[in-house]
Amino acid sequence: SCAASDVTFRLYHMSWYRQAPGKERELVASITDIGGKV
């Protein structure tokens, strides 16, 4: 879960990233601000 504060949340494109030891941070998943495209 990710809880947001002090943002106009509905306008933001939200994403999950991950970073393993010795690796670059990588995009895992994203969801758009309007319409919920994933």
PDB file of all heavy atoms in Angstrom:
ATOM      1  N   SER A   1       0.837  -1.187   0.000  1.00  0.00           N
ATOM      2  CA  SER A   1       0.000   0.000   0.000  1.00  0.00           C
ATOM      3  C   SER A   1       0.875   1.241   0.000  1.00  0.00           C
ATOM      4  O   SER A   1       1.967   1.245   0.562  1.00  0.00           O
ATOM      5  CB  SER A   1      -0.914   0.025   1.232  1.00  0.00           C
ATOM      6  OG  SER A   1      -1.773  -1.093   1.268  1.00  0.00           O
ATOM      7  N   CYS A   2       0.381   2.291  -0.624  1.00  0.00           N
ATOM      8  CA  CYS A   2       1.055   3.579  -0.630  1.00  0.00           C
ATOM      9  C   CYS A   2       0.030   4.649  -0.312  1.00  0.00           C
ATOM     10  O   CYS A   2      -0.944   4.807  -1.052  1.00  0.00           O
ATOM     11  CB  CYS A   2       1.712   3.848  -1.986  1.00  0.00           C
ATOM     12  SG  CYS A   2       2.527   5.454  -2.117  1.00  0.00           S
ATOM     13  N   ALA A   3       0.247   5.355   0.776  1.00  0.00           N
ATOM     14  CA  ALA A   3      -0.644   6.426   1.187  1.00  0.00           C
ATOM     15  C   ALA A   3      -0.016   7.764   0.849  1.00  0.00           C
ATOM     16  O   ALA A   3       1.155   8.005   1.157  1.00  0.00           O
ATOM     17  CB  ALA A   3      -0.921   6.334   2.689  1.00  0.00           C
ATOM     18  N   ALA A   4      -0.786   8.635   0.223  1.00  0.00           N
ATOM     19  CA  ALA A   4      -0.310   9.950  -0.198  1.00  0.00           C
ATOM     20  C   ALA A   4      -0.919  11.041   0.661  1.00  0.00           C
ATOM     21  O   ALA A   4      -2.070  10.947   1.090  1.00  0.00           O
ATOM     22  CB  ALA A   4      -0.650  10.199  -1.663  1.00  0.00           C
ATOM     23  N   SER A   5      -0.138  12.076   0.905  1.00  0.00           N
ATOM     24  CA  SER A   5      -0.623  13.241   1.625  1.00  0.00           C
ATOM     25  C   SER A   5      -0.072  14.501   0.974  1.00  0.00           C
ATOM     26  O   SER A   5       0.992  14.483   0.357  1.00  0.00           O
ATOM     27  CB  SER A   5      -0.220  13.191   3.103  1.00  0.00           C
ATOM     28  OG  SER A   5       1.191  13.215   3.254  1.00  0.00           O
ATOM     29  N   ASP A   6      -0.813  15.586   1.115  1.00  0.00           N
ATOM     30  CA  ASP A   6      -0.406  16.891   0.596  1.00  0.00           C
ATOM     31  C   ASP A   6      -0.191  16.888  -0.915  1.00  0.00           C
ATOM     32  O   ASP A   6       0.680  17.592  -1.435  1.00  0.00           O
ATOM     33  CB  ASP A   6       0.857  17.391   1.303  1.00  0.00           C
ATOM     34  CG  ASP A   6       0.656  17.611   2.789  1.00  0.00           C
ATOM     35  OD1 ASP A   6      -0.473  17.958   3.186  1.00  0.00           O
ATOM     36  OD2 ASP A   6       1.626  17.436   3.554  1.00  0.00           O
ATOM     37  N   VAL A   7      -0.980  16.120  -1.615  1.00  0.00           N
ATOM     38  CA  VAL A   7      -0.963  16.114  -3.069  1.00  0.00           C
ATOM     39  C   VAL A   7      -2.403  16.102  -3.570  1.00  0.00           C
ATOM     40  O   VAL A   7      -3.317  15.651  -2.873  1.00  0.00           O
ATOM     41  CB  VAL A   7      -0.200  14.918  -3.667  1.00  0.00           C
ATOM     42  CG1 VAL A   7       1.251  14.916  -3.217  1.00  0.00           C
ATOM     43  CG2 VAL A   7      -0.892  13.607  -3.299  1.00  0.00           C
ATOM     44  N   THR A   8      -2.587  16.631  -4.780  1.00  0.00           N
ATOM     45  CA  THR A   8      -3.878  16.489  -5.439  1.00  0.00           C
ATOM     46  C   THR A   8      -3.871  15.135  -6.114  1.00  0.00           C
ATOM     47  O   THR A   8      -3.596  14.997  -7.304  1.00  0.00           O
ATOM     48  CB  THR A   8      -4.106  17.630  -6.440  1.00  0.00           C
ATOM     49  OG1 THR A   8      -3.882  18.892  -5.791  1.00  0.00           O
ATOM     50  CG2 THR A   8      -5.534  17.596  -6.970  1.00  0.00           C
ATOM     51  N   PHE A   9      -4.172  14.120  -5.314  1.00  0.00           N
ATOM     52  CA  PHE A   9      -3.902  12.746  -5.692  1.00  0.00           C
ATOM     53  C   PHE A   9      -4.528  12.356  -7.025  1.00  0.00           C
ATOM     54  O   PHE A   9      -3.899  11.650  -7.827  1.00  0.00           O
ATOM     55  CB  PHE A   9      -4.388  11.803  -4.577  1.00  0.00           C
ATOM     56  CG  PHE A   9      -4.042  10.368  -4.807  1.00  0.00           C
ATOM     57  CD1 PHE A   9      -2.773   9.891  -4.543  1.00  0.00           C
ATOM     58  CD2 PHE A   9      -4.998   9.487  -5.295  1.00  0.00           C
ATOM     59  CE1 PHE A   9      -2.454   8.562  -4.752  1.00  0.00           C
ATOM     60  CE2 PHE A   9      -4.690   8.156  -5.502  1.00  0.00           C
ATOM     61  CZ  PHE A   9      -3.417   7.694  -5.232  1.00  0.00           C
ATOM     62  N   ARG A  10      -5.742  12.777  -7.283  1.00  0.00           N
ATOM     63  CA  ARG A  10      -6.443  12.348  -8.487  1.00  0.00           C
ATOM     64  C   ARG A  10      -5.753  12.795  -9.769  1.00  0.00           C
ATOM     65  O   ARG A  10      -6.018  12.245 -10.831  1.00  0.00           O
ATOM     66  CB  ARG A  10      -7.886  12.851  -8.472  1.00  0.00           C
ATOM     67  CG  ARG A  10      -8.006  14.367  -8.604  1.00  0.00           C
ATOM     68  CD  ARG A  10      -9.452  14.825  -8.469  1.00  0.00           C
ATOM     69  NE  ARG A  10      -9.580  16.259  -8.688  1.00  0.00           N
ATOM     70  CZ  ARG A  10      -9.335  17.178  -7.758  1.00  0.00           C
ATOM     71  NH1 ARG A  10      -8.954  16.824  -6.539  1.00  0.00           N
ATOM     72  NH2 ARG A  10      -9.481  18.475  -8.044  1.00  0.00           N
ATOM     73  N   LEU A  11      -4.868  13.790  -9.696  1.00  0.00           N
ATOM     74  CA  LEU A  11      -4.169  14.304 -10.865  1.00  0.00           C
ATOM     75  C   LEU A  11      -2.857  13.581 -11.141  1.00  0.00           C
ATOM     76  O   LEU A  11      -2.238  13.818 -12.176  1.00  0.00           O
ATOM     77  CB  LEU A  11      -3.888  15.793 -10.701  1.00  0.00           C
ATOM     78  CG  LEU A  11      -5.102  16.701 -10.510  1.00  0.00           C
ATOM     79  CD1 LEU A  11      -4.645  18.139 -10.330  1.00  0.00           C
ATOM     80  CD2 LEU A  11      -6.059  16.578 -11.677  1.00  0.00           C
ATOM     81  N   TYR A  12      -2.423  12.717 -10.243  1.00  0.00           N
ATOM     82  CA  TYR A  12      -1.104  12.116 -10.343  1.00  0.00           C
ATOM     83  C   TYR A  12      -1.116  10.760 -11.023  1.00  0.00           C
ATOM     84  O   TYR A  12      -2.021   9.945 -10.824  1.00  0.00           O
ATOM     85  CB  TYR A  12      -0.478  11.969  -8.950  1.00  0.00           C
ATOM     86  CG  TYR A  12       0.138  13.244  -8.434  1.00  0.00           C
ATOM     87  CD1 TYR A  12      -0.652  14.305  -8.021  1.00  0.00           C
ATOM     88  CD2 TYR A  12       1.523  13.384  -8.358  1.00  0.00           C
ATOM     89  CE1 TYR A  12      -0.089  15.480  -7.558  1.00  0.00           C
ATOM     90  CE2 TYR A  12       2.098  14.544  -7.890  1.00  0.00           C
ATOM     91  CZ  TYR A  12       1.288  15.589  -7.488  1.00  0.00           C
ATOM     92  OH  TYR A  12       1.860  16.746  -7.016  1.00  0.00           O
ATOM     93  N   HIS A  13      -0.086  10.546 -11.830  1.00  0.00           N
ATOM     94  CA  HIS A  13       0.214   9.236 -12.378  1.00  0.00           C
ATOM     95  C   HIS A  13       1.007   8.472 -11.317  1.00  0.00           C
ATOM     96  O   HIS A  13       2.050   8.938 -10.869  1.00  0.00           O
ATOM     97  CB  HIS A  13       1.044   9.389 -13.655  1.00  0.00           C
ATOM     98  CG  HIS A  13       1.352   8.121 -14.351  1.00  0.00           C
ATOM     99  ND1 HIS A  13       0.714   7.736 -15.513  1.00  0.00           N
ATOM    100  CD2 HIS A  13       2.241   7.141 -14.072  1.00  0.00           C
ATOM    101  CE1 HIS A  13       1.197   6.589 -15.910  1.00  0.00           C
ATOM    102  NE2 HIS A  13       2.121   6.199 -15.052  1.00  0.00           N
ATOM    103  N   MET A  14       0.507   7.316 -10.917  1.00  0.00           N
ATOM    104  CA  MET A  14       1.109   6.557  -9.832  1.00  0.00           C
ATOM    105  C   MET A  14       1.822   5.322 -10.361  1.00  0.00           C
ATOM    106  O   MET A  14       1.323   4.642 -11.261  1.00  0.00           O
ATOM    107  CB  MET A  14       0.051   6.134  -8.814  1.00  0.00           C
ATOM    108  CG  MET A  14      -0.727   7.290  -8.195  1.00  0.00           C
ATOM    109  SD  MET A  14       0.334   8.396  -7.209  1.00  0.00           S
ATOM    110  CE  MET A  14       0.933   7.260  -5.950  1.00  0.00           C
ATOM    111  N   SER A  15       2.975   5.039  -9.769  1.00  0.00           N
ATOM    112  CA  SER A  15       3.764   3.897 -10.205  1.00  0.00           C
ATOM    113  C   SER A  15       4.395   3.204  -9.009  1.00  0.00           C
ATOM    114  O   SER A  15       4.607   3.804  -7.949  1.00  0.00           O
ATOM    115  CB  SER A  15       4.881   4.319 -11.164  1.00  0.00           C
ATOM    116  OG  SER A  15       4.360   4.915 -12.334  1.00  0.00           O
ATOM    117  N   TRP A  16       4.696   1.935  -9.206  1.00  0.00           N
ATOM    118  CA  TRP A  16       5.521   1.170  -8.277  1.00  0.00           C
ATOM    119  C   TRP A  16       6.837   0.838  -8.958  1.00  0.00           C
ATOM    120  O   TRP A  16       6.843   0.360 -10.093  1.00  0.00           O
ATOM    121  CB  TRP A  16       4.837  -0.125  -7.839  1.00  0.00           C
ATOM    122  CG  TRP A  16       3.725   0.070  -6.863  1.00  0.00           C
ATOM    123  CD1 TRP A  16       2.398   0.152  -7.134  1.00  0.00           C
ATOM    124  CD2 TRP A  16       3.861   0.192  -5.436  1.00  0.00           C
ATOM    125  NE1 TRP A  16       1.684   0.318  -5.974  1.00  0.00           N
ATOM    126  CE2 TRP A  16       2.550   0.350  -4.913  1.00  0.00           C
ATOM    127  CE3 TRP A  16       4.939   0.186  -4.561  1.00  0.00           C
ATOM    128  CZ2 TRP A  16       2.301   0.498  -3.550  1.00  0.00           C
ATOM    129  CZ3 TRP A  16       4.703   0.338  -3.198  1.00  0.00           C
ATOM    130  CH2 TRP A  16       3.403   0.486  -2.711  1.00  0.00           C
ATOM    131  N   TYR A  17       7.932   1.093  -8.260  1.00  0.00           N
ATOM    132  CA  TYR A  17       9.273   0.724  -8.692  1.00  0.00           C
ATOM    133  C   TYR A  17       9.870  -0.231  -7.666  1.00  0.00           C
ATOM    134  O   TYR A  17       9.394  -0.327  -6.541  1.00  0.00           O
ATOM    135  CB  TYR A  17      10.175   1.951  -8.806  1.00  0.00           C
ATOM    136  CG  TYR A  17       9.867   2.889  -9.949  1.00  0.00           C
ATOM    137  CD1 TYR A  17       8.778   3.751  -9.906  1.00  0.00           C
ATOM    138  CD2 TYR A  17      10.691   2.932 -11.076  1.00  0.00           C
ATOM    139  CE1 TYR A  17       8.509   4.620 -10.944  1.00  0.00           C
ATOM    140  CE2 TYR A  17      10.426   3.805 -12.117  1.00  0.00           C
ATOM    141  CZ  TYR A  17       9.339   4.644 -12.046  1.00  0.00           C
ATOM    142  OH  TYR A  17       9.078   5.515 -13.081  1.00  0.00           O
ATOM    143  N   ARG A  18      10.931  -0.903  -8.058  1.00  0.00           N
ATOM    144  CA  ARG A  18      11.665  -1.718  -7.105  1.00  0.00           C
ATOM    145  C   ARG A  18      13.153  -1.645  -7.400  1.00  0.00           C
ATOM    146  O   ARG A  18      13.566  -1.387  -8.530  1.00  0.00           O
ATOM    147  CB  ARG A  18      11.189  -3.171  -7.125  1.00  0.00           C
ATOM    148  CG  ARG A  18      11.507  -3.931  -8.412  1.00  0.00           C
ATOM    149  CD  ARG A  18      10.866  -5.309  -8.371  1.00  0.00           C
ATOM    150  NE  ARG A  18      11.180  -6.094  -9.550  1.00  0.00           N
ATOM    151  CZ  ARG A  18      10.637  -7.272  -9.834  1.00  0.00           C
ATOM    152  NH1 ARG A  18       9.734  -7.803  -9.004  1.00  0.00           N
ATOM    153  NH2 ARG A  18      10.981  -7.924 -10.934  1.00  0.00           N
ATOM    154  N   GLN A  19      13.938  -1.867  -6.367  1.00  0.00           N
ATOM    155  CA  GLN A  19      15.380  -1.848  -6.509  1.00  0.00           C
ATOM    156  C   GLN A  19      15.980  -2.963  -5.663  1.00  0.00           C
ATOM    157  O   GLN A  19      15.818  -2.979  -4.443  1.00  0.00           O
ATOM    158  CB  GLN A  19      15.971  -0.502  -6.094  1.00  0.00           C
ATOM    159  CG  GLN A  19      17.451  -0.368  -6.380  1.00  0.00           C
ATOM    160  CD  GLN A  19      17.942   1.052  -6.243  1.00  0.00           C
ATOM    161  OE1 GLN A  19      17.344   1.861  -5.538  1.00  0.00           O
ATOM    162  NE2 GLN A  19      19.024   1.372  -6.923  1.00  0.00           N
ATOM    163  N   ALA A  20      16.652  -3.887  -6.324  1.00  0.00           N
ATOM    164  CA  ALA A  20      17.344  -4.971  -5.659  1.00  0.00           C
ATOM    165  C   ALA A  20      18.804  -4.582  -5.456  1.00  0.00           C
ATOM    166  O   ALA A  20      19.334  -3.731  -6.175  1.00  0.00           O
ATOM    167  CB  ALA A  20      17.245  -6.255  -6.480  1.00  0.00           C
ATOM    168  N   PRO A  21      19.482  -5.188  -4.485  1.00  0.00           N
ATOM    169  CA  PRO A  21      20.892  -4.869  -4.252  1.00  0.00           C
ATOM    170  C   PRO A  21      21.727  -5.041  -5.514  1.00  0.00           C
ATOM    171  O   PRO A  21      21.650  -6.071  -6.186  1.00  0.00           O
ATOM    172  CB  PRO A  21      21.302  -5.868  -3.177  1.00  0.00           C
ATOM    173  CG  PRO A  21      20.042  -6.177  -2.447  1.00  0.00           C
ATOM    174  CD  PRO A  21      18.976  -6.165  -3.504  1.00  0.00           C
ATOM    175  N   GLY A  22      22.515  -4.022  -5.834  1.00  0.00           N
ATOM    176  CA  GLY A  22      23.379  -4.070  -6.993  1.00  0.00           C
ATOM    177  C   GLY A  22      22.697  -3.840  -8.318  1.00  0.00           C
ATOM    178  O   GLY A  22      23.347  -3.941  -9.360  1.00  0.00           O
ATOM    179  N   LYS A  23      21.406  -3.528  -8.299  1.00  0.00           N
ATOM    180  CA  LYS A  23      20.665  -3.312  -9.529  1.00  0.00           C
ATOM    181  C   LYS A  23      20.082  -1.904  -9.586  1.00  0.00           C
ATOM    182  O   LYS A  23      19.941  -1.236  -8.567  1.00  0.00           O
ATOM    183  CB  LYS A  23      19.543  -4.339  -9.674  1.00  0.00           C
ATOM    184  CG  LYS A  23      20.011  -5.772  -9.860  1.00  0.00           C
ATOM    185  CD  LYS A  23      18.839  -6.699 -10.140  1.00  0.00           C
ATOM    186  CE  LYS A  23      19.293  -8.111 -10.411  1.00  0.00           C
ATOM    187  NZ  LYS A  23      18.147  -9.001 -10.711  1.00  0.00           N
ATOM    188  N   GLU A  24      19.746  -1.483 -10.794  1.00  0.00           N
ATOM    189  CA  GLU A  24      19.090  -0.198 -10.982  1.00  0.00           C
ATOM    190  C   GLU A  24      17.635  -0.285 -10.555  1.00  0.00           C
ATOM    191  O   GLU A  24      17.014  -1.352 -10.591  1.00  0.00           O
ATOM    192  CB  GLU A  24      19.176   0.228 -12.447  1.00  0.00           C
ATOM    193  CG  GLU A  24      20.584   0.437 -12.974  1.00  0.00           C
ATOM    194  CD  GLU A  24      21.249   1.641 -12.363  1.00  0.00           C
ATOM    195  OE1 GLU A  24      20.551   2.649 -12.092  1.00  0.00           O
ATOM    196  OE2 GLU A  24      22.466   1.587 -12.148  1.00  0.00           O
ATOM    197  N   ARG A  25      17.098   0.845 -10.154  1.00  0.00           N
ATOM    198  CA  ARG A  25      15.680   0.902  -9.849  1.00  0.00           C
ATOM    199  C   ARG A  25      14.886   0.691 -11.133  1.00  0.00           C
ATOM    200  O   ARG A  25      15.174   1.308 -12.167  1.00  0.00           O
ATOM    201  CB  ARG A  25      15.331   2.244  -9.205  1.00  0.00           C
ATOM    202  CG  ARG A  25      13.904   2.331  -8.699  1.00  0.00           C
ATOM    203  CD  ARG A  25      13.672   3.608  -7.897  1.00  0.00           C
ATOM    204  NE  ARG A  25      14.481   3.648  -6.699  1.00  0.00           N
ATOM    205  CZ  ARG A  25      14.393   4.597  -5.765  1.00  0.00           C
ATOM    206  NH1 ARG A  25      13.513   5.584  -5.905  1.00  0.00           N
ATOM    207  NH2 ARG A  25      15.180   4.558  -4.707  1.00  0.00           N
ATOM    208  N   GLU A  26      13.887  -0.181 -11.073  1.00  0.00           N
ATOM    209  CA  GLU A  26      13.117  -0.512 -12.259  1.00  0.00           C
ATOM    210  C   GLU A  26      11.631  -0.286 -12.032  1.00  0.00           C
ATOM    211  O   GLU A  26      11.122  -0.479 -10.931  1.00  0.00           O
ATOM    212  CB  GLU A  26      13.363  -1.964 -12.688  1.00  0.00           C
ATOM    213  CG  GLU A  26      12.901  -2.998 -11.674  1.00  0.00           C
ATOM    214  CD  GLU A  26      13.017  -4.425 -12.188  1.00  0.00           C
ATOM    215  OE1 GLU A  26      12.978  -4.633 -13.417  1.00  0.00           O
ATOM    216  OE2 GLU A  26      13.152  -5.337 -11.350  1.00  0.00           O
ATOM    217  N   LEU A  27      10.963   0.104 -13.095  1.00  0.00           N
ATOM    218  CA  LEU A  27       9.522   0.290 -13.063  1.00  0.00           C
ATOM    219  C   LEU A  27       8.835  -1.067 -13.054  1.00  0.00           C
ATOM    220  O   LEU A  27       9.133  -1.925 -13.882  1.00  0.00           O
ATOM    221  CB  LEU A  27       9.067   1.108 -14.259  1.00  0.00           C
ATOM    222  CG  LEU A  27       7.565   1.337 -14.425  1.00  0.00           C
ATOM    223  CD1 LEU A  27       7.014   2.155 -13.264  1.00  0.00           C
ATOM    224  CD2 LEU A  27       7.276   2.030 -15.751  1.00  0.00           C
ATOM    225  N   VAL A  28       7.903  -1.245 -12.140  1.00  0.00           N
ATOM    226  CA  VAL A  28       7.168  -2.490 -12.005  1.00  0.00           C
ATOM    227  C   VAL A  28       5.768  -2.372 -12.590  1.00  0.00           C
ATOM    228  O   VAL A  28       5.324  -3.230 -13.354  1.00  0.00           O
ATOM    229  CB  VAL A  28       7.089  -2.925 -10.534  1.00  0.00           C
ATOM    230  CG1 VAL A  28       6.215  -4.168 -10.372  1.00  0.00           C
ATOM    231  CG2 VAL A  28       8.489  -3.183  -9.985  1.00  0.00           C
ATOM    232  N   ALA A  29       5.056  -1.315 -12.212  1.00  0.00           N
ATOM    233  CA  ALA A  29       3.678  -1.141 -12.641  1.00  0.00           C
ATOM    234  C   ALA A  29       3.302   0.322 -12.531  1.00  0.00           C
ATOM    235  O   ALA A  29       3.872   1.064 -11.730  1.00  0.00           O
ATOM    236  CB  ALA A  29       2.725  -1.991 -11.801  1.00  0.00           C
ATOM    237  N   SER A  30       2.345   0.753 -13.330  1.00  0.00           N
ATOM    238  CA  SER A  30       1.871   2.126 -13.276  1.00  0.00           C
ATOM    239  C   SER A  30       0.386   2.174 -13.576  1.00  0.00           C
ATOM    240  O   SER A  30      -0.164   1.277 -14.219  1.00  0.00           O
ATOM    241  CB  SER A  30       2.643   3.024 -14.252  1.00  0.00           C
ATOM    242  OG  SER A  30       2.432   2.626 -15.590  1.00  0.00           O
ATOM    243  N   ILE A  31      -0.245   3.247 -13.116  1.00  0.00           N
ATOM    244  CA  ILE A  31      -1.667   3.462 -13.346  1.00  0.00           C
ATOM    245  C   ILE A  31      -1.882   4.950 -13.579  1.00  0.00           C
ATOM    246  O   ILE A  31      -1.340   5.785 -12.860  1.00  0.00           O
ATOM    247  CB  ILE A  31      -2.517   2.918 -12.170  1.00  0.00           C
ATOM    248  CG1 ILE A  31      -4.011   3.056 -12.462  1.00  0.00           C
ATOM    249  CG2 ILE A  31      -2.138   3.601 -10.856  1.00  0.00           C
ATOM    250  CD1 ILE A  31      -4.877   2.254 -11.499  1.00  0.00           C
ATOM    251  N   THR A  32      -2.661   5.284 -14.593  1.00  0.00           N
ATOM    252  CA  THR A  32      -2.830   6.677 -14.978  1.00  0.00           C
ATOM    253  C   THR A  32      -3.731   7.427 -14.022  1.00  0.00           C
ATOM    254  O   THR A  32      -4.474   6.839 -13.229  1.00  0.00           O
ATOM    255  CB  THR A  32      -3.390   6.789 -16.401  1.00  0.00           C
ATOM    256  OG1 THR A  32      -4.672   6.152 -16.472  1.00  0.00           O
ATOM    257  CG2 THR A  32      -2.451   6.156 -17.411  1.00  0.00           C
ATOM    258  N   ASP A  33      -3.679   8.767 -14.133  1.00  0.00           N
ATOM    259  CA  ASP A  33      -4.479   9.618 -13.255  1.00  0.00           C
ATOM    260  C   ASP A  33      -5.968   9.530 -13.550  1.00  0.00           C
ATOM    261  O   ASP A  33      -6.797   9.530 -12.640  1.00  0.00           O
ATOM    262  CB  ASP A  33      -3.994  11.071 -13.346  1.00  0.00           C
ATOM    263  CG  ASP A  33      -3.934  11.581 -14.785  1.00  0.00           C
ATOM    264  OD1 ASP A  33      -3.982  10.768 -15.725  1.00  0.00           O
ATOM    265  OD2 ASP A  33      -3.827  12.804 -14.963  1.00  0.00           O
ATOM    266  N   ILE A  34      -6.309   9.483 -14.829  1.00  0.00           N
ATOM    267  CA  ILE A  34      -7.702   9.425 -15.250  1.00  0.00           C
ATOM    268  C   ILE A  34      -7.934   8.174 -16.070  1.00  0.00           C
ATOM    269  O   ILE A  34      -7.187   7.885 -17.007  1.00  0.00           O
ATOM    270  CB  ILE A  34      -8.087  10.669 -16.073  1.00  0.00           C
ATOM    271  CG1 ILE A  34      -7.876  11.938 -15.246  1.00  0.00           C
ATOM    272  CG2 ILE A  34      -9.532  10.580 -16.545  1.00  0.00           C
ATOM    273  CD1 ILE A  34      -8.111  13.216 -16.026  1.00  0.00           C
ATOM    274  N   GLY A  35      -8.942   7.423 -15.698  1.00  0.00           N
ATOM    275  CA  GLY A  35      -9.299   6.228 -16.442  1.00  0.00           C
ATOM    276  C   GLY A  35      -8.725   4.943 -15.892  1.00  0.00           C
ATOM    277  O   GLY A  35      -9.216   3.858 -16.225  1.00  0.00           O
ATOM    278  N   GLY A  36      -7.683   5.036 -15.093  1.00  0.00           N
ATOM    279  CA  GLY A  36      -7.118   3.852 -14.469  1.00  0.00           C
ATOM    280  C   GLY A  36      -6.436   2.884 -15.414  1.00  0.00           C
ATOM    281  O   GLY A  36      -6.414   1.677 -15.148  1.00  0.00           O
ATOM    282  N   LYS A  37      -5.883   3.379 -16.518  1.00  0.00           N
ATOM    283  CA  LYS A  37      -5.133   2.518 -17.417  1.00  0.00           C
ATOM    284  C   LYS A  37      -3.875   2.019 -16.719  1.00  0.00           C
ATOM    285  O   LYS A  37      -3.150   2.793 -16.107  1.00  0.00           O
ATOM    286  CB  LYS A  37      -4.762   3.267 -18.691  1.00  0.00           C
ATOM    287  CG  LYS A  37      -4.017   2.420 -19.710  1.00  0.00           C
ATOM    288  CD  LYS A  37      -3.678   3.221 -20.956  1.00  0.00           C
ATOM    289  CE  LYS A  37      -2.909   2.383 -21.953  1.00  0.00           C
ATOM    290  NZ  LYS A  37      -2.550   3.166 -23.164  1.00  0.00           N
ATOM    291  N   VAL A  38      -3.614   0.721 -16.822  1.00  0.00           N
ATOM    292  CA  VAL A  38      -2.494   0.116 -16.112  1.00  0.00           C
ATOM    293  C   VAL A  38      -1.486  -0.474 -17.087  1.00  0.00           C
ATOM    294  O   VAL A  38      -1.828  -0.886 -18.190  1.00  0.00           O
ATOM    295  CB  VAL A  38      -2.977  -0.967 -15.130  1.00  0.00           C
ATOM    296  CG1 VAL A  38      -3.891  -0.358 -14.076  1.00  0.00           C
ATOM    297  CG2 VAL A  38      -3.698  -2.089 -15.872  1.00  0.00           C
TER     298      VAL A  38
END
